[in-house]
Amino acid sequence: MSEQAHAQAHATTGTYLRVAAILVMITIIEVGIFYVPTFQSVLVPVLLFLSAVKFTLVVMFYMHLKFDNRFFTFLFGGPLLLALAVVISLLFIFYGAVRLRTGM
């Protein structure tokens, strides 16, 4: 691939600044959700989702996976999905163990 085509394949400075602004907004939302008592019942799922969105944006743009081979996307996405499945499984296991212990 020529150097000019390679340079056009990557994002511009404006794109990086927009992504940074989105990441800041998501962080503000996360902090806001943590301090609002109404959201305490859905705190963990919402924060996990927002964290996954932030992870995806950082990996796609700042690690340049959006512009690289799809194999590298699989290399990052596969372990992320595996880790997410393990975390969710552990949450269900511990939640069930607490319910059994407390009799609820």
C-alpha atoms as a PDB file:
ATOM      1  CA  MET A   1       0.000   0.000   0.000  1.00  0.00           C
ATOM      2  CA  SER A   2       1.360   3.413  -0.874  1.00  0.00           C
ATOM      3  CA  GLU A   3       2.188   5.912   1.847  1.00  0.00           C
ATOM      4  CA  GLN A   4      -0.562   8.277   0.707  1.00  0.00           C
ATOM      5  CA  ALA A   5      -3.234   5.557   0.788  1.00  0.00           C
ATOM      6  CA  HIS A   6      -1.976   4.453   4.200  1.00  0.00           C
ATOM      7  CA  ALA A   7      -2.200   8.021   5.530  1.00  0.00           C
ATOM      8  CA  GLN A   8      -5.777   8.364   4.226  1.00  0.00           C
ATOM      9  CA  ALA A   9      -6.789   5.126   5.952  1.00  0.00           C
ATOM     10  CA  HIS A  10      -6.204   6.591   9.410  1.00  0.00           C
ATOM     11  CA  ALA A  11      -8.373   9.072  11.248  1.00  0.00           C
ATOM     12  CA  THR A  12      -7.750  12.781  11.321  1.00  0.00           C
ATOM     13  CA  THR A  13      -6.920  14.883  14.367  1.00  0.00           C
ATOM     14  CA  GLY A  14     -10.536  16.060  14.456  1.00  0.00           C
ATOM     15  CA  THR A  15     -11.733  12.465  14.727  1.00  0.00           C
ATOM     16  CA  TYR A  16      -9.423  11.831  17.674  1.00  0.00           C
ATOM     17  CA  LEU A  17     -10.664  14.978  19.397  1.00  0.00           C
ATOM     18  CA  ARG A  18     -14.312  13.944  18.858  1.00  0.00           C
ATOM     19  CA  VAL A  19     -13.592  10.488  20.271  1.00  0.00           C
ATOM     20  CA  ALA A  20     -11.853  12.086  23.260  1.00  0.00           C
ATOM     21  CA  ALA A  21     -14.898  14.324  23.816  1.00  0.00           C
ATOM     22  CA  ILE A  22     -17.194  11.273  23.679  1.00  0.00           C
ATOM     23  CA  LEU A  23     -14.977   9.468  26.203  1.00  0.00           C
ATOM     24  CA  VAL A  24     -15.131  12.475  28.540  1.00  0.00           C
ATOM     25  CA  MET A  25     -18.931  12.594  28.233  1.00  0.00           C
ATOM     26  CA  ILE A  26     -19.225   8.882  28.988  1.00  0.00           C
ATOM     27  CA  THR A  27     -16.998   9.348  32.049  1.00  0.00           C
ATOM     28  CA  ILE A  28     -19.186  12.212  33.266  1.00  0.00           C
ATOM     29  CA  ILE A  29     -22.265  10.011  32.804  1.00  0.00           C
ATOM     30  CA  GLU A  30     -20.574   7.212  34.769  1.00  0.00           C
ATOM     31  CA  VAL A  31     -19.763   9.513  37.674  1.00  0.00           C
ATOM     32  CA  GLY A  32     -23.264  10.974  37.585  1.00  0.00           C
ATOM     33  CA  ILE A  33     -24.896   7.545  37.620  1.00  0.00           C
ATOM     34  CA  PHE A  34     -22.779   6.539  40.605  1.00  0.00           C
ATOM     35  CA  TYR A  35     -23.948   9.488  42.718  1.00  0.00           C
ATOM     36  CA  VAL A  36     -27.674   9.432  41.810  1.00  0.00           C
ATOM     37  CA  PRO A  37     -29.507   7.185  44.308  1.00  0.00           C
ATOM     38  CA  THR A  38     -32.254   6.357  41.787  1.00  0.00           C
ATOM     39  CA  PHE A  39     -29.811   4.438  39.597  1.00  0.00           C
ATOM     40  CA  GLN A  40     -28.385   2.240  42.387  1.00  0.00           C
ATOM     41  CA  SER A  41     -30.499  -0.748  41.291  1.00  0.00           C
ATOM     42  CA  VAL A  42     -29.001  -0.718  37.767  1.00  0.00           C
ATOM     43  CA  LEU A  43     -25.573   0.652  38.662  1.00  0.00           C
ATOM     44  CA  VAL A  44     -23.424  -2.366  37.819  1.00  0.00           C
ATOM     45  CA  PRO A  45     -24.972  -3.286  34.436  1.00  0.00           C
ATOM     46  CA  VAL A  46     -24.952   0.324  33.244  1.00  0.00           C
ATOM     47  CA  LEU A  47     -21.348   0.891  34.332  1.00  0.00           C
ATOM     48  CA  LEU A  48     -20.270  -2.374  32.679  1.00  0.00           C
ATOM     49  CA  PHE A  49     -21.974  -1.359  29.444  1.00  0.00           C
ATOM     50  CA  LEU A  50     -20.466   2.129  29.468  1.00  0.00           C
ATOM     51  CA  SER A  51     -17.032   0.673  30.231  1.00  0.00           C
ATOM     52  CA  ALA A  52     -17.371  -1.699  27.283  1.00  0.00           C
ATOM     53  CA  VAL A  53     -18.290   1.220  25.017  1.00  0.00           C
ATOM     54  CA  LYS A  54     -15.243   3.170  26.219  1.00  0.00           C
ATOM     55  CA  PHE A  55     -13.002   0.120  25.739  1.00  0.00           C
ATOM     56  CA  THR A  56     -14.307  -0.312  22.208  1.00  0.00           C
ATOM     57  CA  LEU A  57     -13.731   3.326  21.294  1.00  0.00           C
ATOM     58  CA  VAL A  58     -10.193   3.343  22.711  1.00  0.00           C
ATOM     59  CA  VAL A  59      -9.256   0.109  20.961  1.00  0.00           C
ATOM     60  CA  MET A  60     -10.815   1.129  17.644  1.00  0.00           C
ATOM     61  CA  PHE A  61      -9.323   4.594  17.390  1.00  0.00           C
ATOM     62  CA  TYR A  62      -6.331   4.999  19.688  1.00  0.00           C
ATOM     63  CA  MET A  63      -4.994   1.504  19.068  1.00  0.00           C
ATOM     64  CA  HIS A  64      -5.936   1.846  15.371  1.00  0.00           C
ATOM     65  CA  LEU A  65      -7.817  -1.454  15.164  1.00  0.00           C
ATOM     66  CA  LYS A  66     -10.514   0.163  13.078  1.00  0.00           C
ATOM     67  CA  PHE A  67      -7.979   0.613  10.307  1.00  0.00           C
ATOM     68  CA  ASP A  68      -6.038  -2.656  10.696  1.00  0.00           C
ATOM     69  CA  ASN A  69      -6.654  -6.239   9.678  1.00  0.00           C
ATOM     70  CA  ARG A  70      -9.804  -7.888  11.105  1.00  0.00           C
ATOM     71  CA  PHE A  71      -7.629 -10.564  12.719  1.00  0.00           C
ATOM     72  CA  PHE A  72      -6.358  -8.009  15.225  1.00  0.00           C
ATOM     73  CA  THR A  73      -9.924  -7.024  16.054  1.00  0.00           C
ATOM     74  CA  PHE A  74     -10.671 -10.683  16.772  1.00  0.00           C
ATOM     75  CA  LEU A  75      -7.476 -10.892  18.833  1.00  0.00           C
ATOM     76  CA  PHE A  76      -8.780  -8.130  21.145  1.00  0.00           C
ATOM     77  CA  GLY A  77     -12.515  -8.840  20.918  1.00  0.00           C
ATOM     78  CA  GLY A  78     -12.346 -12.581  21.553  1.00  0.00           C
ATOM     79  CA  PRO A  79     -10.651 -12.339  24.956  1.00  0.00           C
ATOM     80  CA  LEU A  80     -12.934  -9.424  25.882  1.00  0.00           C
ATOM     81  CA  LEU A  81     -16.016 -11.546  25.207  1.00  0.00           C
ATOM     82  CA  LEU A  82     -14.476 -14.452  27.122  1.00  0.00           C
ATOM     83  CA  ALA A  83     -13.664 -12.201  30.100  1.00  0.00           C
ATOM     84  CA  LEU A  84     -17.168 -10.738  30.008  1.00  0.00           C
ATOM     85  CA  ALA A  85     -18.687 -14.230  30.043  1.00  0.00           C
ATOM     86  CA  VAL A  86     -16.502 -15.217  33.019  1.00  0.00           C
ATOM     87  CA  VAL A  87     -17.394 -12.057  34.962  1.00  0.00           C
ATOM     88  CA  ILE A  88     -21.112 -12.507  34.333  1.00  0.00           C
ATOM     89  CA  SER A  89     -20.898 -16.181  35.308  1.00  0.00           C
ATOM     90  CA  LEU A  90     -19.079 -15.306  38.535  1.00  0.00           C
ATOM     91  CA  LEU A  91     -21.681 -12.648  39.341  1.00  0.00           C
ATOM     92  CA  PHE A  92     -24.453 -15.227  38.976  1.00  0.00           C
ATOM     93  CA  ILE A  93     -22.543 -17.783  41.044  1.00  0.00           C
ATOM     94  CA  PHE A  94     -21.827 -15.346  43.883  1.00  0.00           C
ATOM     95  CA  TYR A  95     -25.343 -13.929  43.793  1.00  0.00           C
ATOM     96  CA  GLY A  96     -26.735 -17.455  44.061  1.00  0.00           C
ATOM     97  CA  ALA A  97     -24.347 -18.318  46.899  1.00  0.00           C
ATOM     98  CA  VAL A  98     -25.404 -15.225  48.844  1.00  0.00           C
ATOM     99  CA  ARG A  99     -29.074 -16.025  48.295  1.00  0.00           C
ATOM    100  CA  LEU A 100     -28.550 -19.597  49.519  1.00  0.00           C
ATOM    101  CA  ARG A 101     -26.623 -18.451  52.579  1.00  0.00           C
ATOM    102  CA  THR A 102     -29.152 -15.783  53.573  1.00  0.00           C
ATOM    103  CA  GLY A 103     -32.216 -17.848  52.672  1.00  0.00           C
ATOM    104  CA  MET A 104     -33.690 -15.211  50.358  1.00  0.00           C
END
